[in-house]
């Protein structure tokens, strides 16, 4: 559980309502389930967005489902998603959805893609959910309620040295060469169990660090609360807490400062 002085949240931030966490988990599971209609389907069509990234009917359908359910349940809440324009809210709360985080993996039939859902309120990160539809798994957390892996407590690893620790990423293509060589020479085992799945691995102690040099808010919005509640830490590459820093570094906490130091190049 994050410390009361964690800069990612207000010092007076109260625990989130468990019923709201349950709602978010159920909704993310439902949205993730909807993507399976197209996973490994012969009729899957892959389109390109203006930025060159792929999008499919599965992405669009899952986000539309989330937005529809939220409009019914919490019409005053704002919604930010990857596939549709942001919906402004009047409640002071904003939901953030990435219907398929890892669309490239999805279109190649790789089952490590995820559906992400987060909620920020007036105190900061409140809820984070990572659903892995093809694996039938979910990792989630609510502020003050702990982190959970399919109903069991989720906890980061107790690894204390980078030599021999496991570091994963969505892709090494965006890494500056000095950063890649730094973590390699430090002794990390380097893997590409990426996107939301990589962050889920850190939160459950199966990996020790996850690094993405380039992210959008919706790619990592669930991670501050999930990592904090699981006993770890999430920041941008320059050490800023929260999901808006343009990059993502999640660790078990013990390795965080050393990882950030290695990535200064």
C-alpha atoms as a PDB file:
ATOM      1  CA  UNK A   1       0.000   0.000   0.000  1.00  0.00           C
ATOM      2  CA  UNK A   2       1.405   3.431  -0.862  1.00  0.00           C
ATOM      3  CA  UNK A   3       2.723   5.639   1.871  1.00  0.00           C
ATOM      4  CA  UNK A   4       0.566   8.601   2.924  1.00  0.00           C
ATOM      5  CA  UNK A   5       3.348  10.797   1.525  1.00  0.00           C
ATOM      6  CA  UNK A   6       3.412   9.119  -1.901  1.00  0.00           C
ATOM      7  CA  UNK A   7       3.444  12.065  -4.388  1.00  0.00           C
ATOM      8  CA  UNK A   8       1.161  10.158  -6.746  1.00  0.00           C
ATOM      9  CA  UNK A   9      -1.737  10.781  -4.395  1.00  0.00           C
ATOM     10  CA  UNK A  10      -3.021  13.374  -2.001  1.00  0.00           C
ATOM     11  CA  UNK A  11      -1.807  12.980   1.613  1.00  0.00           C
ATOM     12  CA  UNK A  12      -5.453  12.934   2.691  1.00  0.00           C
ATOM     13  CA  UNK A  13      -6.641  10.588  -0.066  1.00  0.00           C
ATOM     14  CA  UNK A  14      -9.312   8.249   1.303  1.00  0.00           C
ATOM     15  CA  UNK A  15      -9.727   4.628   0.228  1.00  0.00           C
ATOM     16  CA  UNK A  16     -11.821   4.209  -2.877  1.00  0.00           C
ATOM     17  CA  UNK A  17     -15.260   2.591  -2.598  1.00  0.00           C
ATOM     18  CA  UNK A  18     -14.869  -1.179  -3.039  1.00  0.00           C
ATOM     19  CA  UNK A  19     -18.120  -1.312  -4.983  1.00  0.00           C
ATOM     20  CA  UNK A  20     -16.571   1.070  -7.505  1.00  0.00           C
ATOM     21  CA  UNK A  21     -13.520  -1.171  -7.830  1.00  0.00           C
ATOM     22  CA  UNK A  22     -15.761  -4.202  -8.346  1.00  0.00           C
ATOM     23  CA  UNK A  23     -17.684  -2.306 -11.022  1.00  0.00           C
ATOM     24  CA  UNK A  24     -14.450  -1.374 -12.818  1.00  0.00           C
ATOM     25  CA  UNK A  25     -13.123  -4.938 -12.752  1.00  0.00           C
ATOM     26  CA  UNK A  26     -16.396  -6.358 -14.068  1.00  0.00           C
ATOM     27  CA  UNK A  27     -16.535  -3.737 -16.815  1.00  0.00           C
ATOM     28  CA  UNK A  28     -12.954  -4.304 -17.918  1.00  0.00           C
ATOM     29  CA  UNK A  29     -13.540  -8.056 -17.949  1.00  0.00           C
ATOM     30  CA  UNK A  30     -16.653  -7.586 -20.088  1.00  0.00           C
ATOM     31  CA  UNK A  31     -14.805  -5.326 -22.517  1.00  0.00           C
ATOM     32  CA  UNK A  32     -11.893  -7.731 -22.686  1.00  0.00           C
ATOM     33  CA  UNK A  33     -14.231 -10.639 -23.301  1.00  0.00           C
ATOM     34  CA  UNK A  34     -15.705  -8.794 -26.277  1.00  0.00           C
ATOM     35  CA  UNK A  35     -12.302  -8.720 -27.992  1.00  0.00           C
ATOM     36  CA  UNK A  36     -12.122 -12.515 -28.140  1.00  0.00           C
ATOM     37  CA  UNK A  37     -14.667 -12.511 -30.981  1.00  0.00           C
ATOM     38  CA  UNK A  38     -11.837 -11.244 -33.219  1.00  0.00           C
ATOM     39  CA  UNK A  39      -8.807 -12.857 -31.594  1.00  0.00           C
ATOM     40  CA  UNK A  40      -7.297 -15.359 -34.061  1.00  0.00           C
ATOM     41  CA  UNK A  41     -10.308 -14.746 -36.323  1.00  0.00           C
ATOM     42  CA  UNK A  42      -9.852 -15.220 -40.069  1.00  0.00           C
ATOM     43  CA  UNK A  43     -12.045 -12.208 -40.773  1.00  0.00           C
ATOM     44  CA  UNK A  44     -10.001  -9.768 -38.665  1.00  0.00           C
ATOM     45  CA  UNK A  45      -9.318  -6.571 -40.595  1.00  0.00           C
ATOM     46  CA  UNK A  46      -6.464  -4.345 -39.465  1.00  0.00           C
ATOM     47  CA  UNK A  47      -6.700  -0.644 -40.283  1.00  0.00           C
ATOM     48  CA  UNK A  48      -4.082   2.054 -39.768  1.00  0.00           C
ATOM     49  CA  UNK A  49      -4.761   5.213 -37.791  1.00  0.00           C
ATOM     50  CA  UNK A  50      -3.348   8.602 -38.721  1.00  0.00           C
ATOM     51  CA  UNK A  51      -0.257   7.948 -36.602  1.00  0.00           C
ATOM     52  CA  UNK A  52       0.384   4.638 -38.364  1.00  0.00           C
ATOM     53  CA  UNK A  53      -0.603   2.428 -35.431  1.00  0.00           C
ATOM     54  CA  UNK A  54      -3.031  -0.459 -36.018  1.00  0.00           C
ATOM     55  CA  UNK A  55      -6.682  -0.521 -35.000  1.00  0.00           C
ATOM     56  CA  UNK A  56      -9.355  -3.172 -35.383  1.00  0.00           C
ATOM     57  CA  UNK A  57     -13.060  -3.662 -34.847  1.00  0.00           C
ATOM     58  CA  UNK A  58     -12.151  -5.291 -31.547  1.00  0.00           C
ATOM     59  CA  UNK A  59     -10.522  -2.067 -30.278  1.00  0.00           C
ATOM     60  CA  UNK A  60     -13.467   0.063 -31.353  1.00  0.00           C
ATOM     61  CA  UNK A  61     -16.142  -2.303 -30.046  1.00  0.00           C
ATOM     62  CA  UNK A  62     -14.511  -2.745 -26.635  1.00  0.00           C
ATOM     63  CA  UNK A  63     -14.086   0.982 -26.089  1.00  0.00           C
ATOM     64  CA  UNK A  64     -17.658   1.694 -27.220  1.00  0.00           C
ATOM     65  CA  UNK A  65     -18.892  -0.899 -24.718  1.00  0.00           C
ATOM     66  CA  UNK A  66     -16.950   0.750 -21.883  1.00  0.00           C
ATOM     67  CA  UNK A  67     -18.158   4.223 -22.787  1.00  0.00           C
ATOM     68  CA  UNK A  68     -21.758   3.048 -23.014  1.00  0.00           C
ATOM     69  CA  UNK A  69     -21.664   1.350 -19.614  1.00  0.00           C
ATOM     70  CA  UNK A  70     -20.013   4.374 -18.006  1.00  0.00           C
ATOM     71  CA  UNK A  71     -22.541   6.764 -19.540  1.00  0.00           C
ATOM     72  CA  UNK A  72     -25.331   4.687 -17.992  1.00  0.00           C
ATOM     73  CA  UNK A  73     -23.755   4.278 -14.567  1.00  0.00           C
ATOM     74  CA  UNK A  74     -21.850   7.561 -14.113  1.00  0.00           C
ATOM     75  CA  UNK A  75     -23.096  10.122 -16.652  1.00  0.00           C
ATOM     76  CA  UNK A  76     -21.237  13.003 -14.979  1.00  0.00           C
ATOM     77  CA  UNK A  77     -17.822  11.336 -15.150  1.00  0.00           C
ATOM     78  CA  UNK A  78     -15.314  12.198 -17.870  1.00  0.00           C
ATOM     79  CA  UNK A  79     -13.857   9.528 -20.159  1.00  0.00           C
ATOM     80  CA  UNK A  80     -10.530   9.472 -21.991  1.00  0.00           C
ATOM     81  CA  UNK A  81      -9.898   6.627 -24.409  1.00  0.00           C
ATOM     82  CA  UNK A  82      -7.603   5.693 -27.242  1.00  0.00           C
ATOM     83  CA  UNK A  83     -10.154   5.310 -30.011  1.00  0.00           C
ATOM     84  CA  UNK A  84     -12.702   8.108 -29.462  1.00  0.00           C
ATOM     85  CA  UNK A  85     -12.596  11.776 -28.532  1.00  0.00           C
ATOM     86  CA  UNK A  86     -12.430  12.627 -24.853  1.00  0.00           C
ATOM     87  CA  UNK A  87     -15.738  13.137 -23.075  1.00  0.00           C
ATOM     88  CA  UNK A  88     -15.679  15.961 -20.558  1.00  0.00           C
ATOM     89  CA  UNK A  89     -17.220  15.390 -17.136  1.00  0.00           C
ATOM     90  CA  UNK A  90     -18.622  17.487 -14.316  1.00  0.00           C
ATOM     91  CA  UNK A  91     -17.983  15.175 -11.351  1.00  0.00           C
ATOM     92  CA  UNK A  92     -14.234  15.648 -10.922  1.00  0.00           C
ATOM     93  CA  UNK A  93     -13.646  12.014 -11.896  1.00  0.00           C
ATOM     94  CA  UNK A  94     -12.211  10.714 -15.163  1.00  0.00           C
ATOM     95  CA  UNK A  95     -12.137   7.166 -16.475  1.00  0.00           C
ATOM     96  CA  UNK A  96      -9.293   6.202 -18.800  1.00  0.00           C
ATOM     97  CA  UNK A  97      -9.630   3.224 -21.136  1.00  0.00           C
ATOM     98  CA  UNK A  98      -7.315   1.437 -23.527  1.00  0.00           C
ATOM     99  CA  UNK A  99      -9.536  -1.248 -25.074  1.00  0.00           C
ATOM    100  CA  UNK A 100      -6.597  -3.246 -26.417  1.00  0.00           C
ATOM    101  CA  UNK A 101      -3.157  -2.411 -25.105  1.00  0.00           C
ATOM    102  CA  UNK A 102      -0.914  -4.373 -27.415  1.00  0.00           C
ATOM    103  CA  UNK A 103      -2.931  -4.231 -30.629  1.00  0.00           C
ATOM    104  CA  UNK A 104       0.117  -5.382 -32.593  1.00  0.00           C
ATOM    105  CA  UNK A 105       0.282  -8.502 -30.429  1.00  0.00           C
ATOM    106  CA  UNK A 106      -3.473  -8.970 -30.813  1.00  0.00           C
ATOM    107  CA  UNK A 107      -3.323  -8.813 -34.611  1.00  0.00           C
ATOM    108  CA  UNK A 108      -0.511 -11.384 -34.656  1.00  0.00           C
ATOM    109  CA  UNK A 109      -2.413 -13.835 -32.486  1.00  0.00           C
ATOM    110  CA  UNK A 110      -0.207 -13.301 -29.408  1.00  0.00           C
ATOM    111  CA  UNK A 111      -2.314 -13.735 -26.243  1.00  0.00           C
ATOM    112  CA  UNK A 112      -0.454 -11.175 -24.101  1.00  0.00           C
ATOM    113  CA  UNK A 113      -2.560  -8.148 -25.022  1.00  0.00           C
ATOM    114  CA  UNK A 114      -4.667  -6.471 -22.341  1.00  0.00           C
ATOM    115  CA  UNK A 115      -7.706  -4.305 -21.698  1.00  0.00           C
ATOM    116  CA  UNK A 116      -6.894  -1.396 -19.381  1.00  0.00           C
ATOM    117  CA  UNK A 117      -9.261   0.691 -17.286  1.00  0.00           C
ATOM    118  CA  UNK A 118      -8.407   3.351 -14.721  1.00  0.00           C
ATOM    119  CA  UNK A 119     -10.167   5.975 -12.660  1.00  0.00           C
ATOM    120  CA  UNK A 120      -8.699   9.229 -11.411  1.00  0.00           C
ATOM    121  CA  UNK A 121     -10.617  11.321  -8.889  1.00  0.00           C
ATOM    122  CA  UNK A 122      -9.986  14.574  -7.070  1.00  0.00           C
ATOM    123  CA  UNK A 123      -7.298  12.866  -4.967  1.00  0.00           C
ATOM    124  CA  UNK A 124      -5.388  11.315  -7.887  1.00  0.00           C
ATOM    125  CA  UNK A 125      -5.171   7.697  -9.117  1.00  0.00           C
ATOM    126  CA  UNK A 126      -8.051   5.748  -7.588  1.00  0.00           C
ATOM    127  CA  UNK A 127      -8.528   2.503  -9.527  1.00  0.00           C
ATOM    128  CA  UNK A 128      -6.430   0.501 -11.964  1.00  0.00           C
ATOM    129  CA  UNK A 129      -7.394  -2.659 -13.834  1.00  0.00           C
ATOM    130  CA  UNK A 130      -5.377  -4.846 -16.219  1.00  0.00           C
ATOM    131  CA  UNK A 131      -7.453  -7.595 -17.832  1.00  0.00           C
ATOM    132  CA  UNK A 132      -5.720 -10.229 -19.953  1.00  0.00           C
ATOM    133  CA  UNK A 133      -8.652 -11.598 -21.972  1.00  0.00           C
ATOM    134  CA  UNK A 134      -6.926 -14.459 -23.793  1.00  0.00           C
ATOM    135  CA  UNK A 135      -5.286 -15.627 -20.549  1.00  0.00           C
ATOM    136  CA  UNK A 136      -8.476 -15.205 -18.480  1.00  0.00           C
ATOM    137  CA  UNK A 137      -6.567 -13.221 -15.863  1.00  0.00           C
ATOM    138  CA  UNK A 138      -6.890  -9.826 -14.195  1.00  0.00           C
ATOM    139  CA  UNK A 139      -4.667  -7.699 -11.967  1.00  0.00           C
ATOM    140  CA  UNK A 140      -6.326  -4.736 -10.272  1.00  0.00           C
ATOM    141  CA  UNK A 141      -6.146  -2.334  -7.360  1.00  0.00           C
ATOM    142  CA  UNK A 142      -8.122   0.342  -5.589  1.00  0.00           C
ATOM    143  CA  UNK A 143      -6.558   3.119  -3.550  1.00  0.00           C
ATOM    144  CA  UNK A 144      -6.348   1.900   0.025  1.00  0.00           C
ATOM    145  CA  UNK A 145      -7.794  -1.517  -0.897  1.00  0.00           C
ATOM    146  CA  UNK A 146      -4.641  -3.355  -1.948  1.00  0.00           C
ATOM    147  CA  UNK A 147      -3.708  -4.999  -5.233  1.00  0.00           C
ATOM    148  CA  UNK A 148      -5.199  -8.265  -6.424  1.00  0.00           C
ATOM    149  CA  UNK A 149      -4.522 -11.025  -8.943  1.00  0.00           C
ATOM    150  CA  UNK A 150      -7.779 -12.849  -9.655  1.00  0.00           C
ATOM    151  CA  UNK A 151      -8.931 -12.441  -6.073  1.00  0.00           C
ATOM    152  CA  UNK A 152      -5.609 -13.225  -4.408  1.00  0.00           C
ATOM    153  CA  UNK A 153      -3.309 -10.519  -2.994  1.00  0.00           C
ATOM    154  CA  UNK A 154      -0.770  -9.217  -5.510  1.00  0.00           C
ATOM    155  CA  UNK A 155       2.670  -8.242  -4.308  1.00  0.00           C
ATOM    156  CA  UNK A 156       5.866  -7.155  -6.023  1.00  0.00           C
ATOM    157  CA  UNK A 157       9.057  -9.187  -5.761  1.00  0.00           C
ATOM    158  CA  UNK A 158      11.632  -8.782  -3.016  1.00  0.00           C
ATOM    159  CA  UNK A 159      14.545  -8.727  -5.486  1.00  0.00           C
ATOM    160  CA  UNK A 160      17.161  -6.309  -4.158  1.00  0.00           C
ATOM    161  CA  UNK A 161      19.908  -6.395  -6.815  1.00  0.00           C
ATOM    162  CA  UNK A 162      19.741  -5.588 -10.515  1.00  0.00           C
ATOM    163  CA  UNK A 163      22.261  -8.322 -11.335  1.00  0.00           C
ATOM    164  CA  UNK A 164      20.017 -11.264 -12.128  1.00  0.00           C
ATOM    165  CA  UNK A 165      16.762  -9.297 -11.917  1.00  0.00           C
ATOM    166  CA  UNK A 166      14.207  -9.511 -14.715  1.00  0.00           C
ATOM    167  CA  UNK A 167      13.473  -6.358 -16.730  1.00  0.00           C
ATOM    168  CA  UNK A 168      10.862  -6.372 -19.447  1.00  0.00           C
ATOM    169  CA  UNK A 169       9.582  -3.873 -22.012  1.00  0.00           C
ATOM    170  CA  UNK A 170       7.029  -3.590 -24.789  1.00  0.00           C
ATOM    171  CA  UNK A 171       9.760  -3.119 -27.400  1.00  0.00           C
ATOM    172  CA  UNK A 172      13.447  -2.294 -27.511  1.00  0.00           C
ATOM    173  CA  UNK A 173      12.955  -0.402 -30.779  1.00  0.00           C
ATOM    174  CA  UNK A 174      12.351   2.890 -28.932  1.00  0.00           C
ATOM    175  CA  UNK A 175      15.303   2.512 -26.561  1.00  0.00           C
ATOM    176  CA  UNK A 176      18.376   4.725 -26.995  1.00  0.00           C
ATOM    177  CA  UNK A 177      21.393   2.483 -27.471  1.00  0.00           C
ATOM    178  CA  UNK A 178      23.126   3.747 -24.272  1.00  0.00           C
ATOM    179  CA  UNK A 179      20.077   2.821 -22.169  1.00  0.00           C
ATOM    180  CA  UNK A 180      19.901  -0.664 -23.622  1.00  0.00           C
ATOM    181  CA  UNK A 181      23.586  -1.295 -23.080  1.00  0.00           C
ATOM    182  CA  UNK A 182      23.391   0.095 -19.537  1.00  0.00           C
ATOM    183  CA  UNK A 183      20.720  -2.346 -18.355  1.00  0.00           C
ATOM    184  CA  UNK A 184      22.360  -5.212 -20.233  1.00  0.00           C
ATOM    185  CA  UNK A 185      25.762  -4.600 -18.647  1.00  0.00           C
ATOM    186  CA  UNK A 186      24.150  -4.129 -15.226  1.00  0.00           C
ATOM    187  CA  UNK A 187      23.180  -7.792 -15.326  1.00  0.00           C
ATOM    188  CA  UNK A 188      19.449  -7.649 -15.948  1.00  0.00           C
ATOM    189  CA  UNK A 189      17.755 -10.555 -17.669  1.00  0.00           C
ATOM    190  CA  UNK A 190      16.065  -8.708 -20.562  1.00  0.00           C
ATOM    191  CA  UNK A 191      12.685  -9.822 -21.869  1.00  0.00           C
ATOM    192  CA  UNK A 192       9.835  -8.430 -23.990  1.00  0.00           C
ATOM    193  CA  UNK A 193       6.771  -9.493 -22.029  1.00  0.00           C
ATOM    194  CA  UNK A 194       5.331  -6.131 -22.848  1.00  0.00           C
ATOM    195  CA  UNK A 195       2.437  -3.733 -22.780  1.00  0.00           C
ATOM    196  CA  UNK A 196      -0.019  -4.116 -19.900  1.00  0.00           C
ATOM    197  CA  UNK A 197       1.093  -7.709 -19.400  1.00  0.00           C
ATOM    198  CA  UNK A 198       4.579  -6.583 -18.401  1.00  0.00           C
ATOM    199  CA  UNK A 199       3.204  -4.257 -15.750  1.00  0.00           C
ATOM    200  CA  UNK A 200       0.988  -7.070 -14.456  1.00  0.00           C
ATOM    201  CA  UNK A 201       4.092  -9.237 -14.100  1.00  0.00           C
ATOM    202  CA  UNK A 202       5.817  -6.597 -11.974  1.00  0.00           C
ATOM    203  CA  UNK A 203       2.764  -6.110  -9.763  1.00  0.00           C
ATOM    204  CA  UNK A 204       2.587  -9.843  -9.098  1.00  0.00           C
ATOM    205  CA  UNK A 205       6.317 -10.376  -8.500  1.00  0.00           C
ATOM    206  CA  UNK A 206       7.007 -12.353 -11.668  1.00  0.00           C
ATOM    207  CA  UNK A 207       9.193  -9.594 -13.139  1.00  0.00           C
ATOM    208  CA  UNK A 208      11.166  -6.962 -11.259  1.00  0.00           C
ATOM    209  CA  UNK A 209      11.020  -3.976 -13.618  1.00  0.00           C
ATOM    210  CA  UNK A 210       9.080  -2.828 -16.676  1.00  0.00           C
ATOM    211  CA  UNK A 211      10.246   0.091 -18.833  1.00  0.00           C
ATOM    212  CA  UNK A 212       8.561   1.860 -21.743  1.00  0.00           C
ATOM    213  CA  UNK A 213      10.380   4.838 -23.239  1.00  0.00           C
ATOM    214  CA  UNK A 214       7.286   6.138 -25.055  1.00  0.00           C
ATOM    215  CA  UNK A 215       3.694   5.851 -23.795  1.00  0.00           C
ATOM    216  CA  UNK A 216       0.379   7.665 -23.905  1.00  0.00           C
ATOM    217  CA  UNK A 217      -1.635   8.280 -20.752  1.00  0.00           C
ATOM    218  CA  UNK A 218      -4.100   5.498 -21.564  1.00  0.00           C
ATOM    219  CA  UNK A 219      -1.220   2.995 -21.914  1.00  0.00           C
ATOM    220  CA  UNK A 220      -0.240   3.321 -18.264  1.00  0.00           C
ATOM    221  CA  UNK A 221      -3.142   4.995 -16.424  1.00  0.00           C
ATOM    222  CA  UNK A 222      -3.832   1.941 -14.204  1.00  0.00           C
ATOM    223  CA  UNK A 223      -0.203   1.539 -13.182  1.00  0.00           C
ATOM    224  CA  UNK A 224       0.327   4.187 -10.470  1.00  0.00           C
ATOM    225  CA  UNK A 225      -2.340   2.761  -8.176  1.00  0.00           C
ATOM    226  CA  UNK A 226      -1.638  -0.881  -9.038  1.00  0.00           C
ATOM    227  CA  UNK A 227       2.086  -0.570  -8.399  1.00  0.00           C
ATOM    228  CA  UNK A 228       1.624   1.500  -5.251  1.00  0.00           C
ATOM    229  CA  UNK A 229      -0.901  -0.893  -3.740  1.00  0.00           C
ATOM    230  CA  UNK A 230       1.278  -3.897  -4.667  1.00  0.00           C
ATOM    231  CA  UNK A 231       4.234  -2.371  -2.810  1.00  0.00           C
ATOM    232  CA  UNK A 232       6.108  -1.135  -5.858  1.00  0.00           C
ATOM    233  CA  UNK A 233       6.627   2.153  -7.612  1.00  0.00           C
ATOM    234  CA  UNK A 234       5.660   3.748 -10.928  1.00  0.00           C
ATOM    235  CA  UNK A 235       7.127   6.902 -12.469  1.00  0.00           C
ATOM    236  CA  UNK A 236       8.214   8.340 -15.790  1.00  0.00           C
ATOM    237  CA  UNK A 237      11.843   8.044 -16.866  1.00  0.00           C
ATOM    238  CA  UNK A 238      12.594  11.389 -15.226  1.00  0.00           C
ATOM    239  CA  UNK A 239      11.133  10.226 -11.930  1.00  0.00           C
ATOM    240  CA  UNK A 240       7.777  11.998 -12.074  1.00  0.00           C
ATOM    241  CA  UNK A 241       4.877  10.078 -10.476  1.00  0.00           C
ATOM    242  CA  UNK A 242       1.638   9.529 -12.349  1.00  0.00           C
ATOM    243  CA  UNK A 243       0.743   8.434 -15.870  1.00  0.00           C
ATOM    244  CA  UNK A 244       1.206  11.699 -17.777  1.00  0.00           C
ATOM    245  CA  UNK A 245       5.007  11.752 -18.088  1.00  0.00           C
ATOM    246  CA  UNK A 246       5.203  10.250 -21.582  1.00  0.00           C
ATOM    247  CA  UNK A 247       7.150   7.186 -20.437  1.00  0.00           C
ATOM    248  CA  UNK A 248       6.717   4.435 -17.876  1.00  0.00           C
ATOM    249  CA  UNK A 249       8.967   2.746 -15.320  1.00  0.00           C
ATOM    250  CA  UNK A 250       7.473   0.219 -12.917  1.00  0.00           C
ATOM    251  CA  UNK A 251       9.574  -1.661 -10.392  1.00  0.00           C
ATOM    252  CA  UNK A 252       9.332  -3.485  -7.113  1.00  0.00           C
ATOM    253  CA  UNK A 253      10.434  -0.245  -5.451  1.00  0.00           C
ATOM    254  CA  UNK A 254      13.764  -1.534  -4.184  1.00  0.00           C
ATOM    255  CA  UNK A 255      15.292  -1.304  -7.665  1.00  0.00           C
ATOM    256  CA  UNK A 256      13.586   1.873  -8.819  1.00  0.00           C
ATOM    257  CA  UNK A 257      16.236   4.515  -8.235  1.00  0.00           C
ATOM    258  CA  UNK A 258      18.949   2.285  -9.657  1.00  0.00           C
ATOM    259  CA  UNK A 259      16.878   1.591 -12.774  1.00  0.00           C
ATOM    260  CA  UNK A 260      16.249   5.305 -13.286  1.00  0.00           C
ATOM    261  CA  UNK A 261      19.970   5.963 -12.891  1.00  0.00           C
ATOM    262  CA  UNK A 262      20.836   3.405 -15.549  1.00  0.00           C
ATOM    263  CA  UNK A 263      18.375   4.989 -17.957  1.00  0.00           C
ATOM    264  CA  UNK A 264      19.744   8.510 -17.744  1.00  0.00           C
ATOM    265  CA  UNK A 265      21.686   7.972 -20.979  1.00  0.00           C
END
